[in-house]
Amino acid sequence: MLKSEHIRTVAAVALAALAWTGGKASAAQCGNTSAGFENWKQEFAVEAKAHGVSPAAISALMATHYASATIGADRGQHSFHLSLDQFMHKRGGAAIASRGRGLKQSNAALFASIQARYGVPAGPLIAIWGMETGFGREHGNQNMLSSIATLSYDCRRSEFFTDQLYAALKLIDRGVFSGSTPGSMHGEVGQTQFMPKTVLEYGVGSLETPSGALMSTANYLHAHGWTAGAGYQPGEPNYAAIQAWNAATVYQEAIAIIGKQIDNGQ
């Protein structure tokens, strides 16, 4: 079990940081092997300094390493090509639903307060929580900043991860992250696996705690059009918010199914 890294994000920080990170493209030379990573860091650091990144955050960037495991994982995401039945079996859908029903009962007050505030019921939140980290058991053991920096350098999705890198540096600058913050293969953090830019935009409290992670997830879904009382199965109004959470169709369908099983006590 990794030592928890508390992620405290407040609205004032998020608003300032969004202006700081928005729409920055990098002229630093991307690459597809580790050979150019150190030169890329030097180039990126110059750009980051010009964008107002603090010396401490730049120092953390310069200490990153090329994350070969992250590149391997990014090239080998095979589970999303499975059928729905295969995906549910591989990810333990039945077990998530079974444990999720118990968690809904034992944390009834928390889920009631979340639903009152954001309109999101327990089912889909618990389904996401279980699917992402096994209810907080598995957070990943990679260096978050190295993963994000490597993917920003990598030519495959450089623009997307450059935005994430600027967000991560801002969170380091604010003391929310550090250069040693752990994460998953693509730099996701917390019990429901937020990317750095998503932390800035939707983080509520500590993502390393169940309450903070679940409130943050509900905040994300609410911000993406979740309507209180509407359905969240395919074709229903709230399904679009689940689609915004993850682009993989099989993942979306699994969350809808597991969430319904939890909410209906099946």
C-alpha atoms as a PDB file:
ATOM      1  CA  MET A   1       0.000   0.000   0.000  1.00  0.00           C
ATOM      2  CA  LEU A   2       1.410   3.374  -0.992  1.00  0.00           C
ATOM      3  CA  LYS A   3       1.731   6.172   1.526  1.00  0.00           C
ATOM      4  CA  SER A   4      -1.160   8.547   0.919  1.00  0.00           C
ATOM      5  CA  GLU A   5      -0.333  11.822  -0.839  1.00  0.00           C
ATOM      6  CA  HIS A   6      -2.957  14.336   0.242  1.00  0.00           C
ATOM      7  CA  ILE A   7      -4.396  16.399  -2.572  1.00  0.00           C
ATOM      8  CA  ARG A   8      -6.068  19.544  -1.309  1.00  0.00           C
ATOM      9  CA  THR A   9      -7.612  21.625  -4.078  1.00  0.00           C
ATOM     10  CA  VAL A  10      -9.719  24.696  -3.417  1.00  0.00           C
ATOM     11  CA  ALA A  11     -11.770  26.725  -5.832  1.00  0.00           C
ATOM     12  CA  ALA A  12      -9.513  29.786  -5.762  1.00  0.00           C
ATOM     13  CA  VAL A  13      -6.471  27.716  -6.667  1.00  0.00           C
ATOM     14  CA  ALA A  14      -8.346  25.969  -9.461  1.00  0.00           C
ATOM     15  CA  LEU A  15      -9.514  29.206 -11.071  1.00  0.00           C
ATOM     16  CA  ALA A  16      -6.055  30.732 -11.055  1.00  0.00           C
ATOM     17  CA  ALA A  17      -4.464  27.544 -12.307  1.00  0.00           C
ATOM     18  CA  LEU A  18      -6.870  27.107 -15.198  1.00  0.00           C
ATOM     19  CA  ALA A  19      -5.777  30.432 -16.633  1.00  0.00           C
ATOM     20  CA  TRP A  20      -2.158  29.423 -16.109  1.00  0.00           C
ATOM     21  CA  THR A  21      -2.432  26.039 -17.878  1.00  0.00           C
ATOM     22  CA  GLY A  22      -4.931  26.675 -20.652  1.00  0.00           C
ATOM     23  CA  GLY A  23      -3.960  26.091 -24.266  1.00  0.00           C
ATOM     24  CA  LYS A  24      -0.194  25.934 -23.983  1.00  0.00           C
ATOM     25  CA  ALA A  25       1.491  24.201 -26.900  1.00  0.00           C
ATOM     26  CA  SER A  26       5.119  23.167 -26.582  1.00  0.00           C
ATOM     27  CA  ALA A  27       7.828  23.765 -29.150  1.00  0.00           C
ATOM     28  CA  ALA A  28      10.161  21.355 -27.362  1.00  0.00           C
ATOM     29  CA  GLN A  29      11.081  18.495 -29.686  1.00  0.00           C
ATOM     30  CA  CYS A  30       9.040  15.358 -28.996  1.00  0.00           C
ATOM     31  CA  GLY A  31      10.490  11.881 -29.474  1.00  0.00           C
ATOM     32  CA  ASN A  32       9.590   8.200 -29.517  1.00  0.00           C
ATOM     33  CA  THR A  33      12.569   6.809 -27.621  1.00  0.00           C
ATOM     34  CA  SER A  34      14.387   7.727 -24.434  1.00  0.00           C
ATOM     35  CA  ALA A  35      17.317   9.184 -26.376  1.00  0.00           C
ATOM     36  CA  GLY A  36      16.025  12.739 -26.578  1.00  0.00           C
ATOM     37  CA  PHE A  37      14.299  12.995 -23.208  1.00  0.00           C
ATOM     38  CA  GLU A  38      17.018  14.902 -21.362  1.00  0.00           C
ATOM     39  CA  ASN A  39      17.331  17.473 -24.148  1.00  0.00           C
ATOM     40  CA  TRP A  40      13.557  17.796 -24.267  1.00  0.00           C
ATOM     41  CA  LYS A  41      13.471  18.564 -20.528  1.00  0.00           C
ATOM     42  CA  GLN A  42      15.945  21.375 -21.038  1.00  0.00           C
ATOM     43  CA  GLU A  43      13.868  22.854 -23.857  1.00  0.00           C
ATOM     44  CA  PHE A  44      10.611  22.440 -21.985  1.00  0.00           C
ATOM     45  CA  ALA A  45      12.061  24.028 -18.839  1.00  0.00           C
ATOM     46  CA  VAL A  46      12.862  27.198 -20.788  1.00  0.00           C
ATOM     47  CA  GLU A  47       9.260  27.367 -22.021  1.00  0.00           C
ATOM     48  CA  ALA A  48       7.859  26.575 -18.586  1.00  0.00           C
ATOM     49  CA  LYS A  49       9.903  29.335 -16.969  1.00  0.00           C
ATOM     50  CA  ALA A  50       8.580  31.790 -19.564  1.00  0.00           C
ATOM     51  CA  HIS A  51       5.044  30.700 -18.648  1.00  0.00           C
ATOM     52  CA  GLY A  52       5.663  31.502 -14.999  1.00  0.00           C
ATOM     53  CA  VAL A  53       6.468  28.068 -13.602  1.00  0.00           C
ATOM     54  CA  SER A  54       8.395  28.399 -10.342  1.00  0.00           C
ATOM     55  CA  PRO A  55      12.034  27.330  -9.969  1.00  0.00           C
ATOM     56  CA  ALA A  56      10.958  24.641  -7.486  1.00  0.00           C
ATOM     57  CA  ALA A  57       8.527  23.096  -9.963  1.00  0.00           C
ATOM     58  CA  ILE A  58      11.104  23.260 -12.764  1.00  0.00           C
ATOM     59  CA  SER A  59      13.611  21.568 -10.465  1.00  0.00           C
ATOM     60  CA  ALA A  60      11.102  18.758  -9.914  1.00  0.00           C
ATOM     61  CA  LEU A  61      10.676  18.456 -13.688  1.00  0.00           C
ATOM     62  CA  MET A  62      14.423  18.235 -14.232  1.00  0.00           C
ATOM     63  CA  ALA A  63      14.617  15.365 -11.727  1.00  0.00           C
ATOM     64  CA  THR A  64      12.162  13.214 -13.691  1.00  0.00           C
ATOM     65  CA  HIS A  65      13.226  10.069 -15.529  1.00  0.00           C
ATOM     66  CA  TYR A  66      12.035   8.552 -18.782  1.00  0.00           C
ATOM     67  CA  ALA A  67       9.230   6.219 -17.693  1.00  0.00           C
ATOM     68  CA  SER A  68       9.635   3.132 -19.883  1.00  0.00           C
ATOM     69  CA  ALA A  69       6.873   1.289 -18.020  1.00  0.00           C
ATOM     70  CA  THR A  70       4.451   4.120 -18.793  1.00  0.00           C
ATOM     71  CA  ILE A  71       5.296   3.976 -22.499  1.00  0.00           C
ATOM     72  CA  GLY A  72       4.791   0.208 -22.476  1.00  0.00           C
ATOM     73  CA  ALA A  73       1.409   0.583 -20.793  1.00  0.00           C
ATOM     74  CA  ASP A  74       0.366   3.344 -23.186  1.00  0.00           C
ATOM     75  CA  ARG A  75       1.145   1.144 -26.170  1.00  0.00           C
ATOM     76  CA  GLY A  76      -0.589  -1.924 -24.743  1.00  0.00           C
ATOM     77  CA  GLN A  77      -4.071  -0.956 -23.567  1.00  0.00           C
ATOM     78  CA  HIS A  78      -5.779  -4.159 -24.671  1.00  0.00           C
ATOM     79  CA  SER A  79      -8.621  -4.530 -22.169  1.00  0.00           C
ATOM     80  CA  PHE A  80     -10.754  -1.877 -23.856  1.00  0.00           C
ATOM     81  CA  HIS A  81     -10.852  -4.052 -26.996  1.00  0.00           C
ATOM     82  CA  LEU A  82     -12.622  -6.862 -25.141  1.00  0.00           C
ATOM     83  CA  SER A  83     -16.321  -7.624 -25.402  1.00  0.00           C
ATOM     84  CA  LEU A  84     -18.502  -6.330 -22.563  1.00  0.00           C
ATOM     85  CA  ASP A  85     -18.738  -9.780 -20.968  1.00  0.00           C
ATOM     86  CA  GLN A  86     -14.989 -10.287 -21.232  1.00  0.00           C
ATOM     87  CA  PHE A  87     -14.310  -6.832 -19.790  1.00  0.00           C
ATOM     88  CA  MET A  88     -16.703  -7.358 -16.880  1.00  0.00           C
ATOM     89  CA  HIS A  89     -15.042 -10.680 -16.100  1.00  0.00           C
ATOM     90  CA  LYS A  90     -11.494  -9.299 -16.393  1.00  0.00           C
ATOM     91  CA  ARG A  91     -12.231  -6.268 -14.210  1.00  0.00           C
ATOM     92  CA  GLY A  92     -14.287  -8.165 -11.621  1.00  0.00           C
ATOM     93  CA  GLY A  93     -17.630  -6.511 -12.291  1.00  0.00           C
ATOM     94  CA  ALA A  94     -19.630  -8.925 -10.136  1.00  0.00           C
ATOM     95  CA  ALA A  95     -17.283  -8.452  -7.186  1.00  0.00           C
ATOM     96  CA  ILE A  96     -17.423  -4.657  -7.527  1.00  0.00           C
ATOM     97  CA  ALA A  97     -21.227  -4.748  -7.493  1.00  0.00           C
ATOM     98  CA  SER A  98     -21.314  -7.120  -4.525  1.00  0.00           C
ATOM     99  CA  ARG A  99     -18.944  -5.110  -2.372  1.00  0.00           C
ATOM    100  CA  GLY A 100     -20.410  -1.871  -3.633  1.00  0.00           C
ATOM    101  CA  ARG A 101     -23.834  -2.691  -2.232  1.00  0.00           C
ATOM    102  CA  GLY A 102     -22.282  -3.110   1.211  1.00  0.00           C
ATOM    103  CA  LEU A 103     -20.319   0.136   0.896  1.00  0.00           C
ATOM    104  CA  LYS A 104     -23.470   1.986  -0.093  1.00  0.00           C
ATOM    105  CA  GLN A 105     -25.156   0.839   3.119  1.00  0.00           C
ATOM    106  CA  SER A 106     -22.191   1.404   5.419  1.00  0.00           C
ATOM    107  CA  ASN A 107     -21.578   4.904   4.022  1.00  0.00           C
ATOM    108  CA  ALA A 108     -25.199   5.899   3.592  1.00  0.00           C
ATOM    109  CA  ALA A 109     -24.788   9.355   5.130  1.00  0.00           C
ATOM    110  CA  LEU A 110     -21.843  10.208   2.861  1.00  0.00           C
ATOM    111  CA  PHE A 111     -23.649   9.141  -0.291  1.00  0.00           C
ATOM    112  CA  ALA A 112     -26.808  10.956   0.757  1.00  0.00           C
ATOM    113  CA  SER A 113     -24.859  14.191   1.214  1.00  0.00           C
ATOM    114  CA  ILE A 114     -23.113  13.765  -2.145  1.00  0.00           C
ATOM    115  CA  GLN A 115     -26.398  13.136  -3.925  1.00  0.00           C
ATOM    116  CA  ALA A 116     -28.005  16.136  -2.243  1.00  0.00           C
ATOM    117  CA  ARG A 117     -25.140  18.374  -3.379  1.00  0.00           C
ATOM    118  CA  TYR A 118     -24.391  17.030  -6.866  1.00  0.00           C
ATOM    119  CA  GLY A 119     -27.433  14.964  -7.817  1.00  0.00           C
ATOM    120  CA  VAL A 120     -25.347  11.844  -8.438  1.00  0.00           C
ATOM    121  CA  PRO A 121     -26.512   8.614  -6.742  1.00  0.00           C
ATOM    122  CA  ALA A 122     -24.201   6.121  -5.068  1.00  0.00           C
ATOM    123  CA  GLY A 123     -24.249   3.435  -7.779  1.00  0.00           C
ATOM    124  CA  PRO A 124     -22.153   4.987 -10.549  1.00  0.00           C
ATOM    125  CA  LEU A 125     -19.773   6.599  -8.052  1.00  0.00           C
ATOM    126  CA  ILE A 126     -19.107   3.284  -6.336  1.00  0.00           C
ATOM    127  CA  ALA A 127     -18.777   1.541  -9.704  1.00  0.00           C
ATOM    128  CA  ILE A 128     -16.112   4.048 -10.785  1.00  0.00           C
ATOM    129  CA  TRP A 129     -14.356   3.804  -7.408  1.00  0.00           C
ATOM    130  CA  GLY A 130     -14.222   0.012  -7.644  1.00  0.00           C
ATOM    131  CA  MET A 131     -13.238  -0.036 -11.296  1.00  0.00           C
ATOM    132  CA  GLU A 132     -10.460   2.527 -10.941  1.00  0.00           C
ATOM    133  CA  THR A 133      -8.641   1.424  -7.775  1.00  0.00           C
ATOM    134  CA  GLY A 134     -10.513  -1.503  -6.216  1.00  0.00           C
ATOM    135  CA  PHE A 135     -12.004   0.915  -3.665  1.00  0.00           C
ATOM    136  CA  GLY A 136      -8.665   2.545  -2.937  1.00  0.00           C
ATOM    137  CA  ARG A 137      -6.528  -0.590  -2.707  1.00  0.00           C
ATOM    138  CA  GLU A 138      -4.441   0.027  -5.837  1.00  0.00           C
ATOM    139  CA  HIS A 139      -3.207   3.555  -6.540  1.00  0.00           C
ATOM    140  CA  GLY A 140      -0.252   2.745  -8.785  1.00  0.00           C
ATOM    141  CA  ASN A 141       3.432   2.810  -7.932  1.00  0.00           C
ATOM    142  CA  GLN A 142       4.842   5.095 -10.604  1.00  0.00           C
ATOM    143  CA  ASN A 143       6.297   8.546 -10.164  1.00  0.00           C
ATOM    144  CA  MET A 144       3.431  10.772 -11.282  1.00  0.00           C
ATOM    145  CA  LEU A 145       5.558  13.592 -12.664  1.00  0.00           C
ATOM    146  CA  SER A 146       7.897  11.259 -14.566  1.00  0.00           C
ATOM    147  CA  SER A 147       4.911   9.534 -16.179  1.00  0.00           C
ATOM    148  CA  ILE A 148       3.311  12.811 -17.229  1.00  0.00           C
ATOM    149  CA  ALA A 149       6.609  14.300 -18.453  1.00  0.00           C
ATOM    150  CA  THR A 150       7.398  11.169 -20.475  1.00  0.00           C
ATOM    151  CA  LEU A 151       3.998  11.226 -22.164  1.00  0.00           C
ATOM    152  CA  SER A 152       4.342  14.950 -22.858  1.00  0.00           C
ATOM    153  CA  TYR A 153       7.683  14.234 -24.528  1.00  0.00           C
ATOM    154  CA  ASP A 154       6.333  11.212 -26.432  1.00  0.00           C
ATOM    155  CA  CYS A 155       5.068  12.225 -29.875  1.00  0.00           C
ATOM    156  CA  ARG A 156       1.944  10.050 -29.738  1.00  0.00           C
ATOM    157  CA  ARG A 157      -0.210  12.351 -27.568  1.00  0.00           C
ATOM    158  CA  SER A 158       2.142  15.184 -26.750  1.00  0.00           C
ATOM    159  CA  GLU A 159      -0.378  18.032 -26.859  1.00  0.00           C
ATOM    160  CA  PHE A 160      -2.796  16.364 -24.427  1.00  0.00           C
ATOM    161  CA  PHE A 161      -0.098  15.463 -21.934  1.00  0.00           C
ATOM    162  CA  THR A 162       1.625  18.835 -22.207  1.00  0.00           C
ATOM    163  CA  ASP A 163      -1.548  20.359 -20.744  1.00  0.00           C
ATOM    164  CA  GLN A 164      -1.434  17.706 -18.020  1.00  0.00           C
ATOM    165  CA  LEU A 165       2.226  18.474 -17.329  1.00  0.00           C
ATOM    166  CA  TYR A 166       1.588  22.178 -16.896  1.00  0.00           C
ATOM    167  CA  ALA A 167      -1.252  21.326 -14.508  1.00  0.00           C
ATOM    168  CA  ALA A 168       1.011  18.985 -12.532  1.00  0.00           C
ATOM    169  CA  LEU A 169       3.698  21.669 -12.289  1.00  0.00           C
ATOM    170  CA  LYS A 170       1.123  24.169 -11.071  1.00  0.00           C
ATOM    171  CA  LEU A 171      -0.027  21.693  -8.403  1.00  0.00           C
ATOM    172  CA  ILE A 172       3.610  21.259  -7.344  1.00  0.00           C
ATOM    173  CA  ASP A 173       3.981  25.034  -7.270  1.00  0.00           C
ATOM    174  CA  ARG A 174       0.938  25.210  -4.973  1.00  0.00           C
ATOM    175  CA  GLY A 175       2.178  22.430  -2.689  1.00  0.00           C
ATOM    176  CA  VAL A 176      -0.615  20.035  -3.661  1.00  0.00           C
ATOM    177  CA  PHE A 177       1.749  17.624  -5.446  1.00  0.00           C
ATOM    178  CA  SER A 178       5.482  17.083  -5.037  1.00  0.00           C
ATOM    179  CA  GLY A 179       8.129  15.635  -7.289  1.00  0.00           C
ATOM    180  CA  SER A 180       7.695  12.307  -5.494  1.00  0.00           C
ATOM    181  CA  THR A 181       3.890  12.067  -5.675  1.00  0.00           C
ATOM    182  CA  PRO A 182       2.954   8.507  -6.731  1.00  0.00           C
ATOM    183  CA  GLY A 183       0.470   7.762  -9.462  1.00  0.00           C
ATOM    184  CA  SER A 184      -0.623   5.197 -11.982  1.00  0.00           C
ATOM    185  CA  MET A 185       0.908   4.531 -15.388  1.00  0.00           C
ATOM    186  CA  HIS A 186      -0.460   7.662 -17.072  1.00  0.00           C
ATOM    187  CA  GLY A 187      -0.057   9.911 -14.038  1.00  0.00           C
ATOM    188  CA  GLU A 188      -3.518   9.374 -12.557  1.00  0.00           C
ATOM    189  CA  VAL A 189      -3.796  10.044  -8.827  1.00  0.00           C
ATOM    190  CA  GLY A 190      -6.227   9.367  -6.012  1.00  0.00           C
ATOM    191  CA  GLN A 191      -8.894   6.780  -5.285  1.00  0.00           C
ATOM    192  CA  THR A 192     -10.810   7.516  -8.492  1.00  0.00           C
ATOM    193  CA  GLN A 193      -7.735   8.296 -10.612  1.00  0.00           C
ATOM    194  CA  PHE A 194      -7.841  11.942 -11.622  1.00  0.00           C
ATOM    195  CA  MET A 195      -5.411  13.405 -14.115  1.00  0.00           C
ATOM    196  CA  PRO A 196      -3.638  16.573 -12.901  1.00  0.00           C
ATOM    197  CA  LYS A 197      -5.728  18.985 -14.971  1.00  0.00           C
ATOM    198  CA  THR A 198      -8.889  17.311 -13.702  1.00  0.00           C
ATOM    199  CA  VAL A 199      -7.665  17.791 -10.141  1.00  0.00           C
ATOM    200  CA  LEU A 200      -7.396  21.507 -10.819  1.00  0.00           C
ATOM    201  CA  GLU A 201     -10.841  21.706 -12.357  1.00  0.00           C
ATOM    202  CA  TYR A 202     -12.918  19.370 -10.202  1.00  0.00           C
ATOM    203  CA  GLY A 203     -10.943  18.287  -7.143  1.00  0.00           C
ATOM    204  CA  VAL A 204     -12.790  18.580  -3.813  1.00  0.00           C
ATOM    205  CA  GLY A 205     -10.778  17.820  -0.690  1.00  0.00           C
ATOM    206  CA  SER A 206      -8.235  15.015  -0.675  1.00  0.00           C
ATOM    207  CA  LEU A 207      -8.474  12.560  -3.541  1.00  0.00           C
ATOM    208  CA  GLU A 208      -6.637  10.038  -1.378  1.00  0.00           C
ATOM    209  CA  THR A 209      -9.665   9.743   0.918  1.00  0.00           C
ATOM    210  CA  PRO A 210     -12.937   8.050  -0.055  1.00  0.00           C
ATOM    211  CA  SER A 211     -15.004  11.155   0.705  1.00  0.00           C
ATOM    212  CA  GLY A 212     -12.764  13.506  -1.271  1.00  0.00           C
ATOM    213  CA  ALA A 213     -12.460  11.139  -4.223  1.00  0.00           C
ATOM    214  CA  LEU A 214     -16.193  10.443  -4.381  1.00  0.00           C
ATOM    215  CA  MET A 215     -17.169  14.108  -4.017  1.00  0.00           C
ATOM    216  CA  SER A 216     -14.658  15.045  -6.716  1.00  0.00           C
ATOM    217  CA  THR A 217     -16.038  12.375  -9.036  1.00  0.00           C
ATOM    218  CA  ALA A 218     -19.594  13.558  -8.418  1.00  0.00           C
ATOM    219  CA  ASN A 219     -18.458  17.128  -9.075  1.00  0.00           C
ATOM    220  CA  TYR A 220     -16.956  16.017 -12.394  1.00  0.00           C
ATOM    221  CA  LEU A 221     -20.122  14.200 -13.463  1.00  0.00           C
ATOM    222  CA  HIS A 222     -22.314  17.106 -12.382  1.00  0.00           C
ATOM    223  CA  ALA A 223     -20.157  19.531 -14.373  1.00  0.00           C
ATOM    224  CA  HIS A 224     -20.562  17.297 -17.421  1.00  0.00           C
ATOM    225  CA  GLY A 225     -24.328  17.537 -17.431  1.00  0.00           C
ATOM    226  CA  TRP A 226     -25.527  15.108 -14.765  1.00  0.00           C
ATOM    227  CA  THR A 227     -29.189  15.812 -13.967  1.00  0.00           C
ATOM    228  CA  ALA A 228     -30.561  14.770 -10.588  1.00  0.00           C
ATOM    229  CA  GLY A 229     -33.164  12.021 -10.865  1.00  0.00           C
ATOM    230  CA  ALA A 230     -32.510  11.189 -14.530  1.00  0.00           C
ATOM    231  CA  GLY A 231     -31.362   7.740 -15.649  1.00  0.00           C
ATOM    232  CA  TYR A 232     -27.785   6.846 -16.485  1.00  0.00           C
ATOM    233  CA  GLN A 233     -28.183   3.792 -18.708  1.00  0.00           C
ATOM    234  CA  PRO A 234     -27.303   3.964 -22.442  1.00  0.00           C
ATOM    235  CA  GLY A 235     -29.733   6.318 -24.146  1.00  0.00           C
ATOM    236  CA  GLU A 236     -30.714   8.038 -20.892  1.00  0.00           C
ATOM    237  CA  PRO A 237     -29.793  11.662 -20.061  1.00  0.00           C
ATOM    238  CA  ASN A 238     -26.932  11.026 -17.646  1.00  0.00           C
ATOM    239  CA  TYR A 239     -25.125   8.457 -19.756  1.00  0.00           C
ATOM    240  CA  ALA A 240     -23.326  11.304 -21.538  1.00  0.00           C
ATOM    241  CA  ALA A 241     -21.597  12.247 -18.276  1.00  0.00           C
ATOM    242  CA  ILE A 242     -20.303   8.681 -17.913  1.00  0.00           C
ATOM    243  CA  GLN A 243     -19.086   8.874 -21.501  1.00  0.00           C
ATOM    244  CA  ALA A 244     -17.194  12.053 -20.618  1.00  0.00           C
ATOM    245  CA  TRP A 245     -15.478  10.235 -17.739  1.00  0.00           C
ATOM    246  CA  ASN A 246     -13.967   7.549 -19.990  1.00  0.00           C
ATOM    247  CA  ALA A 247     -13.983   7.328 -23.774  1.00  0.00           C
ATOM    248  CA  ALA A 248     -14.017   3.509 -23.952  1.00  0.00           C
ATOM    249  CA  THR A 249     -17.490   2.200 -24.790  1.00  0.00           C
ATOM    250  CA  VAL A 250     -16.999  -1.042 -22.884  1.00  0.00           C
ATOM    251  CA  TYR A 251     -15.981   0.902 -19.754  1.00  0.00           C
ATOM    252  CA  GLN A 252     -19.017   3.176 -20.013  1.00  0.00           C
ATOM    253  CA  GLU A 253     -21.371   0.218 -20.352  1.00  0.00           C
ATOM    254  CA  ALA A 254     -19.754  -1.558 -17.405  1.00  0.00           C
ATOM    255  CA  ILE A 255     -20.142   1.480 -15.129  1.00  0.00           C
ATOM    256  CA  ALA A 256     -23.811   1.801 -16.078  1.00  0.00           C
ATOM    257  CA  ILE A 257     -24.481  -1.891 -15.415  1.00  0.00           C
ATOM    258  CA  ILE A 258     -22.585  -2.090 -12.132  1.00  0.00           C
ATOM    259  CA  GLY A 259     -24.041   1.198 -10.938  1.00  0.00           C
ATOM    260  CA  LYS A 260     -27.580  -0.047 -11.575  1.00  0.00           C
ATOM    261  CA  GLN A 261     -26.867  -3.296  -9.756  1.00  0.00           C
ATOM    262  CA  ILE A 262     -25.634  -1.336  -6.742  1.00  0.00           C
ATOM    263  CA  ASP A 263     -28.461   1.201  -6.722  1.00  0.00           C
ATOM    264  CA  ASN A 264     -31.152  -1.447  -7.214  1.00  0.00           C
ATOM    265  CA  GLY A 265     -29.621  -3.826  -4.669  1.00  0.00           C
ATOM    266  CA  GLN A 266     -29.405  -6.627  -7.239  1.00  0.00           C
END
